[in-house]
N, C-alpha and C. Protein backbone atom coordinates (compact mmCIF):
# COMPACT_ATOMS: atom_id res chain seq x y z
N MET A 1 27.98 27.75 132.48
CA MET A 1 28.38 26.72 131.54
C MET A 1 27.59 26.89 130.25
N LYS A 2 28.31 27.01 129.19
CA LYS A 2 27.67 27.07 127.89
C LYS A 2 27.56 25.66 127.33
N LYS A 3 26.49 25.43 126.61
CA LYS A 3 26.24 24.14 125.98
C LYS A 3 27.33 23.88 124.93
N ASN A 4 27.96 22.70 124.98
CA ASN A 4 28.98 22.38 123.99
C ASN A 4 28.85 20.96 123.42
N MET A 5 27.68 20.33 123.65
CA MET A 5 27.45 18.98 123.12
C MET A 5 26.23 18.96 122.23
N GLY A 6 26.36 18.33 121.07
CA GLY A 6 25.25 18.18 120.14
C GLY A 6 24.40 16.98 120.48
N SER A 7 23.27 16.86 119.80
CA SER A 7 22.34 15.77 120.10
C SER A 7 22.91 14.40 119.73
N ALA A 8 23.64 14.32 118.64
CA ALA A 8 24.23 13.02 118.26
C ALA A 8 25.24 12.56 119.31
N ASP A 9 26.02 13.48 119.83
CA ASP A 9 27.00 13.17 120.86
C ASP A 9 26.31 12.68 122.13
N LYS A 10 25.20 13.33 122.50
CA LYS A 10 24.45 12.92 123.68
C LYS A 10 23.89 11.52 123.52
N ILE A 11 23.34 11.22 122.36
CA ILE A 11 22.76 9.89 122.12
C ILE A 11 23.83 8.81 122.19
N ILE A 12 24.98 9.07 121.58
CA ILE A 12 26.08 8.10 121.60
C ILE A 12 26.52 7.83 123.03
N ARG A 13 26.66 8.88 123.83
CA ARG A 13 27.07 8.71 125.23
C ARG A 13 26.05 7.92 126.03
N LEU A 14 24.76 8.19 125.81
CA LEU A 14 23.72 7.47 126.55
C LEU A 14 23.67 6.00 126.14
N VAL A 15 23.88 5.70 124.87
CA VAL A 15 23.91 4.31 124.41
C VAL A 15 25.10 3.57 125.02
N ILE A 16 26.26 4.20 125.02
CA ILE A 16 27.45 3.58 125.62
C ILE A 16 27.22 3.32 127.11
N ALA A 17 26.64 4.30 127.81
CA ALA A 17 26.36 4.14 129.24
C ALA A 17 25.40 2.98 129.47
N ALA A 18 24.36 2.87 128.65
CA ALA A 18 23.40 1.78 128.79
C ALA A 18 24.06 0.42 128.56
N ILE A 19 24.92 0.34 127.57
CA ILE A 19 25.63 -0.92 127.29
C ILE A 19 26.51 -1.30 128.47
N ILE A 20 27.22 -0.33 129.04
CA ILE A 20 28.08 -0.62 130.19
C ILE A 20 27.25 -1.14 131.36
N VAL A 21 26.11 -0.51 131.64
CA VAL A 21 25.26 -0.95 132.75
C VAL A 21 24.73 -2.36 132.50
N ILE A 22 24.30 -2.62 131.28
CA ILE A 22 23.79 -3.97 130.95
C ILE A 22 24.89 -5.02 131.12
N LEU A 23 26.09 -4.71 130.63
CA LEU A 23 27.20 -5.66 130.77
C LEU A 23 27.55 -5.90 132.24
N TYR A 24 27.45 -4.87 133.06
CA TYR A 24 27.75 -5.03 134.48
C TYR A 24 26.67 -5.86 135.17
N MET A 25 25.43 -5.59 134.84
CA MET A 25 24.31 -6.32 135.48
C MET A 25 24.27 -7.79 135.08
N THR A 26 24.77 -8.12 133.91
CA THR A 26 24.80 -9.52 133.47
C THR A 26 26.13 -10.20 133.79
N ASN A 27 26.96 -9.54 134.59
CA ASN A 27 28.25 -10.06 135.06
C ASN A 27 29.24 -10.35 133.93
N VAL A 28 29.09 -9.68 132.80
CA VAL A 28 30.09 -9.81 131.74
C VAL A 28 31.34 -9.05 132.15
N ILE A 29 31.14 -7.88 132.77
CA ILE A 29 32.26 -7.15 133.36
C ILE A 29 32.02 -7.08 134.86
N SER A 30 33.08 -7.17 135.64
CA SER A 30 32.93 -7.15 137.10
C SER A 30 34.22 -6.66 137.73
N GLY A 31 34.22 -6.62 139.03
CA GLY A 31 35.41 -6.23 139.77
C GLY A 31 35.75 -4.75 139.60
N THR A 32 37.03 -4.46 139.69
CA THR A 32 37.50 -3.08 139.60
C THR A 32 37.19 -2.47 138.25
N LEU A 33 37.38 -3.22 137.18
CA LEU A 33 37.06 -2.72 135.85
C LEU A 33 35.58 -2.37 135.74
N GLY A 34 34.72 -3.19 136.30
CA GLY A 34 33.30 -2.93 136.28
C GLY A 34 32.94 -1.65 137.01
N ILE A 35 33.53 -1.43 138.17
CA ILE A 35 33.27 -0.21 138.94
C ILE A 35 33.75 1.02 138.17
N ILE A 36 34.93 0.94 137.60
CA ILE A 36 35.47 2.07 136.83
C ILE A 36 34.58 2.38 135.64
N LEU A 37 34.12 1.36 134.94
CA LEU A 37 33.24 1.57 133.79
C LEU A 37 31.88 2.12 134.21
N LEU A 38 31.37 1.70 135.38
CA LEU A 38 30.11 2.26 135.87
C LEU A 38 30.25 3.75 136.21
N ILE A 39 31.38 4.12 136.77
CA ILE A 39 31.64 5.53 137.05
C ILE A 39 31.70 6.31 135.74
N LEU A 40 32.37 5.75 134.75
CA LEU A 40 32.43 6.39 133.43
C LEU A 40 31.03 6.52 132.82
N ALA A 41 30.21 5.50 132.97
CA ALA A 41 28.84 5.55 132.46
C ALA A 41 28.05 6.65 133.16
N GLY A 42 28.25 6.80 134.46
CA GLY A 42 27.58 7.86 135.20
C GLY A 42 28.00 9.24 134.72
N ILE A 43 29.29 9.39 134.43
CA ILE A 43 29.78 10.67 133.90
C ILE A 43 29.17 10.93 132.53
N PHE A 44 29.08 9.90 131.69
CA PHE A 44 28.47 10.06 130.37
C PHE A 44 27.01 10.52 130.50
N VAL A 45 26.26 9.92 131.41
CA VAL A 45 24.86 10.30 131.60
C VAL A 45 24.77 11.73 132.11
N LEU A 46 25.58 12.08 133.09
CA LEU A 46 25.55 13.43 133.65
C LEU A 46 25.88 14.48 132.60
N THR A 47 26.94 14.26 131.82
CA THR A 47 27.30 15.24 130.81
C THR A 47 26.25 15.32 129.71
N SER A 48 25.57 14.22 129.43
CA SER A 48 24.50 14.25 128.44
C SER A 48 23.30 15.06 128.93
N ILE A 49 23.00 14.95 130.21
CA ILE A 49 21.87 15.68 130.78
C ILE A 49 22.13 17.18 130.81
N ILE A 50 23.34 17.58 131.18
CA ILE A 50 23.63 19.01 131.30
C ILE A 50 24.17 19.63 130.01
N ASN A 51 24.35 18.82 128.97
CA ASN A 51 24.82 19.30 127.66
C ASN A 51 26.18 19.97 127.72
N PHE A 52 27.03 19.54 128.62
CA PHE A 52 28.33 20.17 128.78
C PHE A 52 29.37 19.11 129.11
N CYS A 53 30.49 19.13 128.38
CA CYS A 53 31.60 18.23 128.65
C CYS A 53 32.84 19.07 128.97
N PRO A 54 33.38 18.96 130.18
CA PRO A 54 34.56 19.75 130.54
C PRO A 54 35.78 19.47 129.65
N LEU A 55 35.93 18.24 129.19
CA LEU A 55 37.07 17.92 128.31
C LEU A 55 36.97 18.64 126.98
N TYR A 56 35.74 18.86 126.50
CA TYR A 56 35.56 19.60 125.25
C TYR A 56 36.09 21.03 125.41
N THR A 57 35.87 21.61 126.58
CA THR A 57 36.37 22.97 126.84
C THR A 57 37.89 23.00 126.82
N ILE A 58 38.51 22.01 127.44
CA ILE A 58 39.97 21.95 127.49
C ILE A 58 40.57 21.84 126.09
N PHE A 59 39.94 20.99 125.25
CA PHE A 59 40.46 20.77 123.90
C PHE A 59 39.86 21.71 122.86
N GLY A 60 38.96 22.58 123.27
CA GLY A 60 38.37 23.55 122.35
C GLY A 60 37.37 22.95 121.37
N LEU A 61 36.72 21.87 121.75
CA LEU A 61 35.74 21.21 120.88
C LEU A 61 34.33 21.71 121.19
N LYS A 62 33.48 21.65 120.19
CA LYS A 62 32.07 22.01 120.37
C LYS A 62 31.27 21.27 119.30
N THR A 63 30.36 20.40 119.72
CA THR A 63 29.60 19.60 118.75
C THR A 63 28.17 20.07 118.59
N CYS A 64 27.77 21.11 119.31
CA CYS A 64 26.40 21.61 119.16
C CYS A 64 26.34 22.66 118.05
N LYS A 65 25.15 22.81 117.52
CA LYS A 65 24.95 23.80 116.45
C LYS A 65 24.91 25.19 117.03
N GLU A 66 25.45 26.14 116.31
CA GLU A 66 25.43 27.53 116.72
C GLU A 66 24.09 28.14 116.39
N LYS A 67 23.54 28.93 117.31
CA LYS A 67 22.32 29.66 117.02
C LYS A 67 22.69 30.99 116.37
N LEU A 68 22.01 31.29 115.28
CA LEU A 68 22.26 32.54 114.59
C LEU A 68 21.48 33.66 115.26
N GLU A 69 22.18 34.73 115.62
CA GLU A 69 21.53 35.87 116.22
C GLU A 69 21.19 36.88 115.14
N GLN A 70 19.98 37.41 115.20
CA GLN A 70 19.56 38.39 114.20
C GLN A 70 19.26 39.72 114.83
């Protein structure tokens, strides 16, 4: 797996995941929607940790900076 996520993208995903967890813990969201959003938050955290998003590969996106080889 090649890295395809930039640092700004990782931070945004982690912030969204944290907001979802906080909303779930304070019972603002619950039930089936809450479980689905928690799963999404887990995916956001996982993809942020490994610096790779499978959907980016499918759509040909890459938000990380290219390293120049000399």
